[in-house]
């Protein structure tokens, strides 16, 4: 059975897209997933993508203009060799360098996380759908400036045809079989993160 025959998403046919995980965004999360948990779940996604050699596109907004900080150091530390693409546009796909980087991955299934849910995540997801990509958004790796804003954006993306998921579910869906050749890599990522989520400390080590 080829990956095209499967309803589930696989590491062979998906790319990870991370948008605007910056200090200023984390500080204004006011929705159901706390900033600490969102950070943890983004790092889980980053680690599994690196472990399984998936293409990763990382982007920031407003760094060169001076009003936002770079990608959170905690997240960037799990993405060695991945260079952030800084933009001025809130819709990441309106930035040529970003859209070209996504196209260059060669993948038509995009697993997307971003801050805030209602702005840069939603704009990117609905544009990706319009441009012919399948889009999955990771609900517990994102956050909005209010619960209403976050939930309205979740509804908008879902109605547009994007697939909601959670971080750990994404990880397990990407490999799905404990006897697969990549299971040990995934197992290491899952167990490390699970142990850390039980700790009062928010970050992976």
Protein backbone atom coordinates (compact mmCIF):
# COMPACT_ATOMS: atom_id res chain seq x y z
CA UNK A 1 0.00 0.00 0.00
CA UNK A 2 1.42 3.36 -1.01
CA UNK A 3 1.07 6.51 1.07
CA UNK A 4 -1.47 7.78 -1.48
CA UNK A 5 -3.74 4.87 -0.52
CA UNK A 6 -3.76 5.82 3.16
CA UNK A 7 -6.21 8.19 4.81
CA UNK A 8 -3.63 9.02 7.45
CA UNK A 9 -0.73 11.42 6.95
CA UNK A 10 2.82 10.06 6.81
CA UNK A 11 6.30 11.47 7.28
CA UNK A 12 7.04 10.62 3.64
CA UNK A 13 4.32 12.86 2.23
CA UNK A 14 4.19 15.75 4.72
CA UNK A 15 6.19 18.87 5.54
CA UNK A 16 6.20 20.84 8.80
CA UNK A 17 5.51 24.57 8.61
CA UNK A 18 6.07 26.71 11.72
CA UNK A 19 5.02 30.36 11.68
CA UNK A 20 5.81 33.22 14.08
CA UNK A 21 6.78 31.40 17.26
CA UNK A 22 8.22 34.57 18.73
CA UNK A 23 8.41 36.09 22.19
CA UNK A 24 5.82 38.78 21.55
CA UNK A 25 3.30 36.21 20.32
CA UNK A 26 3.76 33.84 23.24
CA UNK A 27 3.31 36.69 25.72
CA UNK A 28 -0.18 37.47 24.42
CA UNK A 29 -1.66 33.96 24.28
CA UNK A 30 -4.96 34.02 26.18
CA UNK A 31 -6.64 30.86 24.90
CA UNK A 32 -6.99 27.29 26.17
CA UNK A 33 -3.40 26.08 25.65
CA UNK A 34 -0.90 27.96 27.81
CA UNK A 35 2.23 29.49 26.31
CA UNK A 36 4.38 26.90 28.09
CA UNK A 37 2.38 23.99 26.69
CA UNK A 38 2.30 25.50 23.21
CA UNK A 39 6.10 25.80 23.37
CA UNK A 40 6.38 22.18 24.49
CA UNK A 41 4.12 20.92 21.71
CA UNK A 42 5.88 22.93 19.00
CA UNK A 43 9.16 21.42 20.12
CA UNK A 44 7.59 17.96 19.94
CA UNK A 45 6.65 18.65 16.33
CA UNK A 46 10.10 20.04 15.56
CA UNK A 47 11.84 17.06 17.10
CA UNK A 48 9.79 14.45 15.27
CA UNK A 49 10.23 16.26 11.96
CA UNK A 50 14.00 16.36 12.45
CA UNK A 51 14.10 12.74 13.61
CA UNK A 52 12.20 11.57 10.54
CA UNK A 53 14.02 13.88 8.09
CA UNK A 54 10.87 15.75 7.11
CA UNK A 55 11.17 19.09 5.31
CA UNK A 56 10.70 22.04 7.67
CA UNK A 57 9.82 25.63 6.81
CA UNK A 58 10.26 28.14 9.65
CA UNK A 59 9.14 31.74 9.43
CA UNK A 60 9.02 34.91 11.53
CA UNK A 61 7.38 38.28 11.06
CA UNK A 62 8.76 41.74 11.75
CA UNK A 63 12.25 40.82 12.96
CA UNK A 64 14.11 42.89 10.38
CA UNK A 65 11.66 45.74 10.90
CA UNK A 66 12.59 45.70 14.58
CA UNK A 67 9.23 45.22 16.25
CA UNK A 68 9.41 41.47 16.94
CA UNK A 69 12.04 39.13 18.37
CA UNK A 70 13.44 36.13 16.48
CA UNK A 71 12.07 32.60 16.90
CA UNK A 72 12.01 31.53 20.55
CA UNK A 73 15.47 30.15 21.43
CA UNK A 74 13.87 27.06 23.01
CA UNK A 75 12.26 26.16 19.69
CA UNK A 76 15.17 27.19 17.50
CA UNK A 77 17.46 24.90 19.51
CA UNK A 78 15.45 21.92 18.24
CA UNK A 79 15.78 23.05 14.62
CA UNK A 80 19.51 22.96 13.84
CA UNK A 81 20.22 23.95 10.26
CA UNK A 82 16.78 25.47 9.70
CA UNK A 83 16.99 29.13 8.76
CA UNK A 84 13.96 31.30 9.59
CA UNK A 85 12.39 33.25 6.74
CA UNK A 86 11.47 36.70 8.00
CA UNK A 87 8.46 38.45 6.49
CA UNK A 88 6.46 41.64 6.65
CA UNK A 89 3.17 40.04 5.53
CA UNK A 90 0.69 38.51 7.96
CA UNK A 91 -0.28 35.95 5.33
CA UNK A 92 2.98 34.03 5.03
CA UNK A 93 2.11 32.82 1.51
CA UNK A 94 2.15 36.42 0.27
CA UNK A 95 5.89 36.38 0.93
CA UNK A 96 7.72 35.01 -2.11
CA UNK A 97 10.61 33.47 -0.16
CA UNK A 98 8.20 31.63 2.11
CA UNK A 99 5.92 30.35 -0.66
CA UNK A 100 8.94 29.27 -2.69
CA UNK A 101 10.37 27.41 0.34
CA UNK A 102 7.11 25.54 0.83
CA UNK A 103 6.97 24.64 -2.86
CA UNK A 104 10.59 23.49 -2.73
CA UNK A 105 9.74 20.85 -0.10
CA UNK A 106 7.93 18.92 -2.82
CA UNK A 107 5.21 17.97 -0.34
CA UNK A 108 1.51 18.70 -0.83
CA UNK A 109 0.51 17.94 2.76
CA UNK A 110 1.44 20.66 5.23
CA UNK A 111 1.37 20.27 9.01
CA UNK A 112 1.10 23.85 10.22
CA UNK A 113 1.56 25.55 13.55
CA UNK A 114 1.63 29.28 14.16
CA UNK A 115 0.85 32.24 16.39
CA UNK A 116 -1.61 33.67 16.66
CA UNK A 117 -4.31 31.23 15.67
CA UNK A 118 -6.67 33.87 14.32
CA UNK A 119 -4.13 35.77 12.23
CA UNK A 120 -0.92 34.31 10.85
CA UNK A 121 -1.93 30.67 11.30
CA UNK A 122 -5.39 31.03 9.78
CA UNK A 123 -4.27 33.20 6.89
CA UNK A 124 -1.53 30.70 5.97
CA UNK A 125 -3.78 27.66 6.28
CA UNK A 126 -6.63 29.00 4.16
CA UNK A 127 -4.17 30.29 1.56
CA UNK A 128 -2.43 26.90 1.43
CA UNK A 129 -5.78 25.26 0.75
CA UNK A 130 -6.47 27.78 -2.01
CA UNK A 131 -3.04 27.05 -3.51
CA UNK A 132 -3.73 23.32 -3.72
CA UNK A 133 -2.09 22.02 -0.54
CA UNK A 134 -3.74 19.84 2.08
CA UNK A 135 -3.42 21.51 5.47
CA UNK A 136 -3.38 20.13 8.99
CA UNK A 137 -3.27 22.53 11.94
CA UNK A 138 -2.12 21.49 15.39
CA UNK A 139 -4.63 22.82 17.91
CA UNK A 140 -2.53 22.42 21.07
CA UNK A 141 0.59 23.94 19.52
CA UNK A 142 -1.11 27.26 18.78
CA UNK A 143 -2.90 30.00 20.67
CA UNK A 144 -4.96 33.13 20.22
CA UNK A 145 -5.22 36.51 21.84
CA UNK A 146 -8.53 35.43 23.36
CA UNK A 147 -10.49 32.21 23.61
CA UNK A 148 -13.15 33.60 21.27
CA UNK A 149 -10.56 34.58 18.67
CA UNK A 150 -8.83 31.21 18.89
CA UNK A 151 -12.05 29.18 18.64
CA UNK A 152 -13.45 31.28 15.79
CA UNK A 153 -10.22 30.71 13.85
CA UNK A 154 -10.35 26.96 14.53
CA UNK A 155 -13.89 26.91 13.13
CA UNK A 156 -12.88 28.96 10.09
CA UNK A 157 -9.99 26.66 9.19
CA UNK A 158 -12.09 23.55 9.69
CA UNK A 159 -14.92 24.89 7.54
CA UNK A 160 -12.38 25.77 4.86
CA UNK A 161 -11.27 22.13 4.70
CA UNK A 162 -8.19 21.99 6.92
CA UNK A 163 -7.66 19.04 9.27
CA UNK A 164 -7.44 19.64 13.03
CA UNK A 165 -5.09 17.51 15.10
CA UNK A 166 -3.03 17.55 18.31
CA UNK A 167 0.74 17.34 18.65
CA UNK A 168 1.07 13.83 20.05
CA UNK A 169 -1.53 12.52 17.60
CA UNK A 170 0.49 14.03 14.75
CA UNK A 171 3.63 12.26 15.95
CA UNK A 172 1.97 8.86 16.19
CA UNK A 173 0.15 9.29 12.88
CA UNK A 174 3.40 10.00 11.06
CA UNK A 175 4.83 6.53 11.80
CA UNK A 176 1.87 4.48 13.23
CA UNK A 177 3.68 1.18 13.82
CA UNK A 178 5.97 0.35 16.73
CA UNK A 179 7.71 -2.23 14.53
CA UNK A 180 8.48 0.25 11.75
CA UNK A 181 12.10 1.21 10.97
CA UNK A 182 11.58 4.72 12.39
CA UNK A 183 9.75 3.67 15.57
CA UNK A 184 12.79 3.96 17.82
CA UNK A 185 13.38 7.53 16.70
CA UNK A 186 9.76 8.42 17.35
CA UNK A 187 9.74 6.59 20.66
CA UNK A 188 12.66 8.67 21.91
CA UNK A 189 10.86 11.89 20.99
CA UNK A 190 7.57 10.80 22.59
CA UNK A 191 9.02 9.51 25.84
CA UNK A 192 11.24 12.53 26.34
CA UNK A 193 8.32 14.88 25.82
CA UNK A 194 5.91 12.84 27.94
CA UNK A 195 8.33 12.89 30.85
CA UNK A 196 8.78 16.62 30.53
CA UNK A 197 5.02 17.30 30.32
CA UNK A 198 4.65 15.71 33.76
CA UNK A 199 7.26 18.07 35.15
CA UNK A 200 6.57 21.55 36.41
CA UNK A 201 9.31 22.79 34.11
CA UNK A 202 7.92 23.77 30.70
CA UNK A 203 10.82 23.07 28.39
CA UNK A 204 12.25 19.93 26.80
CA UNK A 205 15.82 19.06 27.68
